[in-house]
Amino acid sequence: MPADLYTSCLTSTVKTALHYWFHQQKITNIKIIDCIEYLDNIPGKFSARSTMAGELDWVLTAVLDTLAWQIEPDYARFKELFRNCKPVGLLFRGHILADRVMRAYNVTP
């Protein structure tokens, strides 16, 4: 993962979201190091929905698209930003994740 949180959100959205979720939980009965290692080695490819990594990517995309729809309710603009160009959509979804994660630490992207 990249060194800074914002770049991690833009380029590794699933792993960053899982790391953020894990650190927000109050889990005490398992080793933290084992969980972090597992998060870094999720089986499968993010591009293949039939794998665990692909399914996580699919779910996170749906959640971030829902948040994006609340931010930009105009369908034409939403489609332009999130659907027409896949790399641009990924960056905008990453920015939405960064906004949510960084605000939890009292920082704005």
N, C-alpha and C. Protein backbone atom coordinates (compact mmCIF):
# COMPACT_ATOMS: atom_id res chain seq x y z
N MET A 1 0.84 -1.19 0.00
CA MET A 1 0.00 0.00 0.00
C MET A 1 0.88 1.24 0.00
N PRO A 2 0.36 2.33 -0.58
CA PRO A 2 1.13 3.57 -0.59
C PRO A 2 1.36 4.12 0.81
N ALA A 3 2.27 5.06 0.91
CA ALA A 3 2.67 5.59 2.21
C ALA A 3 1.62 6.51 2.83
N ASP A 4 0.86 7.23 2.02
CA ASP A 4 -0.12 8.15 2.62
C ASP A 4 -1.54 7.64 2.42
N LEU A 5 -2.42 8.06 3.29
CA LEU A 5 -3.79 7.57 3.33
C LEU A 5 -4.58 7.96 2.09
N TYR A 6 -4.44 9.19 1.63
CA TYR A 6 -5.22 9.63 0.47
C TYR A 6 -4.88 8.81 -0.77
N THR A 7 -3.60 8.60 -1.03
CA THR A 7 -3.20 7.80 -2.19
C THR A 7 -3.67 6.36 -2.03
N SER A 8 -3.65 5.84 -0.83
CA SER A 8 -4.15 4.48 -0.59
C SER A 8 -5.63 4.39 -0.94
N CYS A 9 -6.41 5.39 -0.58
CA CYS A 9 -7.83 5.39 -0.90
C CYS A 9 -8.06 5.46 -2.40
N LEU A 10 -7.23 6.22 -3.10
CA LEU A 10 -7.39 6.36 -4.54
C LEU A 10 -6.97 5.11 -5.30
N THR A 11 -5.92 4.45 -4.86
CA THR A 11 -5.36 3.35 -5.65
C THR A 11 -5.67 1.96 -5.11
N SER A 12 -5.95 1.83 -3.82
CA SER A 12 -6.23 0.53 -3.20
C SER A 12 -7.48 0.62 -2.35
N THR A 13 -8.61 0.90 -3.00
CA THR A 13 -9.83 1.20 -2.24
C THR A 13 -10.29 0.06 -1.35
N VAL A 14 -10.28 -1.16 -1.85
CA VAL A 14 -10.79 -2.29 -1.06
C VAL A 14 -9.89 -2.54 0.15
N LYS A 15 -8.60 -2.63 -0.07
CA LYS A 15 -7.69 -2.88 1.04
C LYS A 15 -7.73 -1.75 2.07
N THR A 16 -7.79 -0.52 1.60
CA THR A 16 -7.84 0.61 2.52
C THR A 16 -9.13 0.60 3.32
N ALA A 17 -10.25 0.32 2.66
CA ALA A 17 -11.54 0.26 3.35
C ALA A 17 -11.54 -0.85 4.40
N LEU A 18 -10.96 -2.00 4.04
CA LEU A 18 -10.91 -3.10 5.01
C LEU A 18 -9.99 -2.79 6.18
N HIS A 19 -8.85 -2.18 5.92
CA HIS A 19 -7.95 -1.77 7.00
C HIS A 19 -8.64 -0.76 7.92
N TYR A 20 -9.33 0.20 7.32
CA TYR A 20 -10.04 1.21 8.11
C TYR A 20 -11.11 0.54 8.97
N TRP A 21 -11.91 -0.35 8.37
CA TRP A 21 -12.96 -1.02 9.12
C TRP A 21 -12.38 -1.83 10.27
N PHE A 22 -11.30 -2.57 9.98
CA PHE A 22 -10.70 -3.40 11.02
C PHE A 22 -10.20 -2.55 12.18
N HIS A 23 -9.58 -1.43 11.89
CA HIS A 23 -9.03 -0.59 12.96
C HIS A 23 -10.13 0.12 13.75
N GLN A 24 -11.33 0.23 13.17
CA GLN A 24 -12.44 0.84 13.90
C GLN A 24 -13.13 -0.14 14.85
N GLN A 25 -12.95 -1.44 14.63
CA GLN A 25 -13.57 -2.47 15.46
C GLN A 25 -12.79 -2.64 16.75
N LYS A 26 -13.46 -3.08 17.75
CA LYS A 26 -12.83 -3.33 19.05
C LYS A 26 -12.66 -4.84 19.23
N ILE A 27 -11.83 -5.44 18.39
CA ILE A 27 -11.61 -6.88 18.42
C ILE A 27 -10.40 -7.15 19.31
N THR A 28 -10.60 -7.97 20.35
CA THR A 28 -9.50 -8.24 21.28
C THR A 28 -9.13 -9.71 21.37
N ASN A 29 -9.96 -10.60 20.86
CA ASN A 29 -9.69 -12.02 21.04
C ASN A 29 -8.85 -12.65 19.92
N ILE A 30 -8.40 -11.89 18.96
CA ILE A 30 -7.54 -12.41 17.90
C ILE A 30 -6.32 -11.52 17.75
N LYS A 31 -5.28 -12.08 17.18
CA LYS A 31 -4.07 -11.31 17.01
C LYS A 31 -4.23 -10.29 15.88
N ILE A 32 -3.91 -9.05 16.16
CA ILE A 32 -4.03 -7.99 15.16
C ILE A 32 -3.11 -8.25 13.98
N ILE A 33 -1.92 -8.72 14.24
CA ILE A 33 -0.96 -8.95 13.15
C ILE A 33 -1.48 -10.01 12.18
N ASP A 34 -2.10 -11.07 12.68
CA ASP A 34 -2.65 -12.11 11.81
C ASP A 34 -3.75 -11.55 10.92
N CYS A 35 -4.61 -10.70 11.46
CA CYS A 35 -5.69 -10.12 10.67
C CYS A 35 -5.16 -9.17 9.60
N ILE A 36 -4.18 -8.37 9.94
CA ILE A 36 -3.61 -7.44 8.96
C ILE A 36 -2.93 -8.22 7.84
N GLU A 37 -2.24 -9.31 8.19
CA GLU A 37 -1.63 -10.14 7.15
C GLU A 37 -2.69 -10.74 6.24
N TYR A 38 -3.81 -11.17 6.81
CA TYR A 38 -4.88 -11.74 6.01
C TYR A 38 -5.48 -10.69 5.08
N LEU A 39 -5.69 -9.48 5.60
CA LEU A 39 -6.25 -8.41 4.77
C LEU A 39 -5.34 -8.09 3.59
N ASP A 40 -4.04 -8.20 3.79
CA ASP A 40 -3.10 -7.92 2.72
C ASP A 40 -2.99 -9.06 1.70
N ASN A 41 -3.53 -10.23 2.05
CA ASN A 41 -3.44 -11.40 1.16
C ASN A 41 -4.82 -11.98 0.88
N ILE A 42 -5.77 -11.15 0.51
CA ILE A 42 -7.12 -11.63 0.21
C ILE A 42 -7.05 -12.51 -1.03
N PRO A 43 -7.63 -13.72 -0.98
CA PRO A 43 -7.53 -14.61 -2.14
C PRO A 43 -8.33 -14.11 -3.33
N GLY A 44 -7.76 -14.29 -4.52
CA GLY A 44 -8.44 -13.95 -5.76
C GLY A 44 -7.98 -12.63 -6.34
N LYS A 45 -8.61 -12.28 -7.45
CA LYS A 45 -8.31 -11.02 -8.14
C LYS A 45 -9.48 -10.07 -7.97
N PHE A 46 -9.18 -8.81 -7.85
CA PHE A 46 -10.24 -7.82 -7.70
C PHE A 46 -11.07 -7.67 -8.98
N SER A 47 -10.52 -8.08 -10.09
CA SER A 47 -11.25 -7.97 -11.36
C SER A 47 -12.17 -9.16 -11.61
N ALA A 48 -12.05 -10.23 -10.84
CA ALA A 48 -12.87 -11.43 -11.02
C ALA A 48 -13.90 -11.52 -9.91
N ARG A 49 -15.17 -11.30 -10.22
CA ARG A 49 -16.20 -11.27 -9.19
C ARG A 49 -16.40 -12.63 -8.52
N SER A 50 -16.01 -13.70 -9.17
CA SER A 50 -16.21 -15.03 -8.60
C SER A 50 -15.25 -15.34 -7.45
N THR A 51 -14.29 -14.45 -7.18
CA THR A 51 -13.35 -14.64 -6.08
C THR A 51 -13.74 -13.77 -4.90
N MET A 52 -13.14 -14.04 -3.74
CA MET A 52 -13.44 -13.23 -2.56
C MET A 52 -13.06 -11.77 -2.77
N ALA A 53 -11.90 -11.53 -3.34
CA ALA A 53 -11.46 -10.16 -3.59
C ALA A 53 -12.39 -9.45 -4.57
N GLY A 54 -12.81 -10.15 -5.60
CA GLY A 54 -13.72 -9.56 -6.58
C GLY A 54 -15.07 -9.23 -5.99
N GLU A 55 -15.57 -10.11 -5.13
CA GLU A 55 -16.86 -9.85 -4.48
C GLU A 55 -16.77 -8.65 -3.53
N LEU A 56 -15.67 -8.56 -2.79
CA LEU A 56 -15.48 -7.39 -1.92
C LEU A 56 -15.42 -6.10 -2.74
N ASP A 57 -14.73 -6.16 -3.87
CA ASP A 57 -14.65 -5.00 -4.76
C ASP A 57 -16.03 -4.62 -5.27
N TRP A 58 -16.82 -5.61 -5.64
CA TRP A 58 -18.17 -5.38 -6.16
C TRP A 58 -19.05 -4.70 -5.09
N VAL A 59 -18.99 -5.20 -3.87
CA VAL A 59 -19.81 -4.64 -2.79
C VAL A 59 -19.35 -3.21 -2.46
N LEU A 60 -18.05 -3.00 -2.36
CA LEU A 60 -17.55 -1.66 -2.05
C LEU A 60 -17.92 -0.68 -3.16
N THR A 61 -17.86 -1.11 -4.41
CA THR A 61 -18.26 -0.24 -5.52
C THR A 61 -19.73 0.15 -5.39
N ALA A 62 -20.58 -0.79 -5.01
CA ALA A 62 -22.01 -0.49 -4.83
C ALA A 62 -22.23 0.51 -3.70
N VAL A 63 -21.51 0.33 -2.60
CA VAL A 63 -21.64 1.27 -1.47
C VAL A 63 -21.15 2.66 -1.86
N LEU A 64 -20.00 2.72 -2.51
CA LEU A 64 -19.45 4.03 -2.91
C LEU A 64 -20.31 4.69 -3.99
N ASP A 65 -20.91 3.90 -4.88
CA ASP A 65 -21.83 4.47 -5.87
C ASP A 65 -23.07 5.04 -5.20
N THR A 66 -23.55 4.38 -4.15
CA THR A 66 -24.69 4.91 -3.41
C THR A 66 -24.35 6.24 -2.75
N LEU A 67 -23.17 6.31 -2.15
CA LEU A 67 -22.73 7.59 -1.57
C LEU A 67 -22.56 8.64 -2.66
N ALA A 68 -22.03 8.25 -3.80
CA ALA A 68 -21.84 9.19 -4.91
C ALA A 68 -23.19 9.70 -5.41
N TRP A 69 -24.18 8.84 -5.48
CA TRP A 69 -25.51 9.24 -5.94
C TRP A 69 -26.11 10.27 -4.98
N GLN A 70 -25.83 10.12 -3.68
CA GLN A 70 -26.32 11.10 -2.71
C GLN A 70 -25.61 12.44 -2.87
N ILE A 71 -24.34 12.39 -3.25
CA ILE A 71 -23.58 13.63 -3.45
C ILE A 71 -23.98 14.32 -4.75
N GLU A 72 -24.18 13.53 -5.80
CA GLU A 72 -24.51 14.07 -7.13
C GLU A 72 -25.78 13.40 -7.65
N PRO A 73 -26.97 13.92 -7.28
CA PRO A 73 -28.21 13.27 -7.68
C PRO A 73 -28.58 13.45 -9.16
N ASP A 74 -27.93 14.36 -9.87
CA ASP A 74 -28.20 14.54 -11.29
C ASP A 74 -27.65 13.34 -12.06
N TYR A 75 -28.56 12.55 -12.67
CA TYR A 75 -28.14 11.30 -13.29
C TYR A 75 -27.14 11.50 -14.42
N ALA A 76 -27.33 12.51 -15.23
CA ALA A 76 -26.41 12.74 -16.36
C ALA A 76 -24.99 13.00 -15.86
N ARG A 77 -24.86 13.81 -14.84
CA ARG A 77 -23.53 14.10 -14.31
C ARG A 77 -22.95 12.89 -13.58
N PHE A 78 -23.79 12.18 -12.82
CA PHE A 78 -23.34 10.96 -12.13
C PHE A 78 -22.82 9.96 -13.16
N LYS A 79 -23.56 9.76 -14.23
CA LYS A 79 -23.13 8.83 -15.27
C LYS A 79 -21.82 9.28 -15.91
N GLU A 80 -21.69 10.57 -16.13
CA GLU A 80 -20.45 11.10 -16.72
C GLU A 80 -19.25 10.87 -15.80
N LEU A 81 -19.43 11.08 -14.52
CA LEU A 81 -18.31 10.97 -13.57
C LEU A 81 -17.99 9.54 -13.17
N PHE A 82 -19.01 8.69 -13.04
CA PHE A 82 -18.79 7.38 -12.45
C PHE A 82 -18.97 6.20 -13.40
N ARG A 83 -19.58 6.40 -14.54
CA ARG A 83 -19.88 5.27 -15.42
C ARG A 83 -19.17 5.32 -16.77
N ASN A 84 -19.02 6.49 -17.36
CA ASN A 84 -18.49 6.58 -18.73
C ASN A 84 -17.02 6.17 -18.84
N CYS A 85 -16.20 6.57 -17.90
CA CYS A 85 -14.77 6.28 -17.96
C CYS A 85 -14.38 5.55 -16.68
N LYS A 86 -14.01 4.29 -16.80
CA LYS A 86 -13.73 3.47 -15.62
C LYS A 86 -12.61 4.03 -14.74
N PRO A 87 -11.46 4.46 -15.31
CA PRO A 87 -10.40 5.00 -14.44
C PRO A 87 -10.83 6.26 -13.68
N VAL A 88 -11.60 7.12 -14.33
CA VAL A 88 -12.08 8.33 -13.66
C VAL A 88 -13.06 7.95 -12.55
N GLY A 89 -13.94 7.00 -12.81
CA GLY A 89 -14.88 6.53 -11.79
C GLY A 89 -14.17 5.95 -10.59
N LEU A 90 -13.11 5.18 -10.84
CA LEU A 90 -12.34 4.61 -9.73
C LEU A 90 -11.72 5.70 -8.86
N LEU A 91 -11.19 6.73 -9.51
CA LEU A 91 -10.60 7.83 -8.75
C LEU A 91 -11.64 8.59 -7.94
N PHE A 92 -12.81 8.85 -8.53
CA PHE A 92 -13.86 9.54 -7.79
C PHE A 92 -14.36 8.69 -6.62
N ARG A 93 -14.52 7.39 -6.82
CA ARG A 93 -14.93 6.52 -5.71
C ARG A 93 -13.86 6.52 -4.62
N GLY A 94 -12.59 6.48 -5.03
CA GLY A 94 -11.50 6.55 -4.06
C GLY A 94 -11.51 7.84 -3.27
N HIS A 95 -11.86 8.94 -3.95
CA HIS A 95 -11.93 10.22 -3.25
C HIS A 95 -13.08 10.22 -2.23
N ILE A 96 -14.19 9.61 -2.58
CA ILE A 96 -15.31 9.52 -1.63
C ILE A 96 -14.89 8.70 -0.41
N LEU A 97 -14.20 7.60 -0.65
CA LEU A 97 -13.69 6.80 0.48
C LEU A 97 -12.71 7.61 1.31
N ALA A 98 -11.79 8.32 0.66
CA ALA A 98 -10.80 9.13 1.38
C ALA A 98 -11.50 10.19 2.23
N ASP A 99 -12.53 10.79 1.69
CA ASP A 99 -13.27 11.81 2.44
C ASP A 99 -13.86 11.20 3.71
N ARG A 100 -14.46 10.03 3.60
CA ARG A 100 -15.06 9.38 4.77
C ARG A 100 -14.01 8.94 5.79
N VAL A 101 -12.96 8.32 5.31
CA VAL A 101 -11.93 7.80 6.21
C VAL A 101 -11.17 8.93 6.88
N MET A 102 -10.76 9.92 6.12
CA MET A 102 -9.95 10.99 6.69
C MET A 102 -10.74 11.87 7.65
N ARG A 103 -12.02 12.05 7.41
CA ARG A 103 -12.84 12.82 8.36
C ARG A 103 -12.95 12.12 9.71
N ALA A 104 -12.85 10.79 9.72
CA ALA A 104 -12.85 10.06 10.99
C ALA A 104 -11.63 10.41 11.83
N TYR A 105 -10.58 10.88 11.18
CA TYR A 105 -9.36 11.30 11.88
C TYR A 105 -9.22 12.83 11.93
N ASN A 106 -10.33 13.53 11.71
CA ASN A 106 -10.39 15.00 11.73
C ASN A 106 -9.46 15.64 10.73
N VAL A 107 -9.39 15.05 9.53
CA VAL A 107 -8.60 15.58 8.43
C VAL A 107 -9.49 15.64 7.20
N THR A 108 -9.32 16.66 6.38
CA THR A 108 -10.07 16.73 5.13
C THR A 108 -9.13 16.58 3.96
N PRO A 109 -9.54 15.80 2.96
CA PRO A 109 -8.67 15.60 1.79
C PRO A 109 -8.59 16.84 0.92
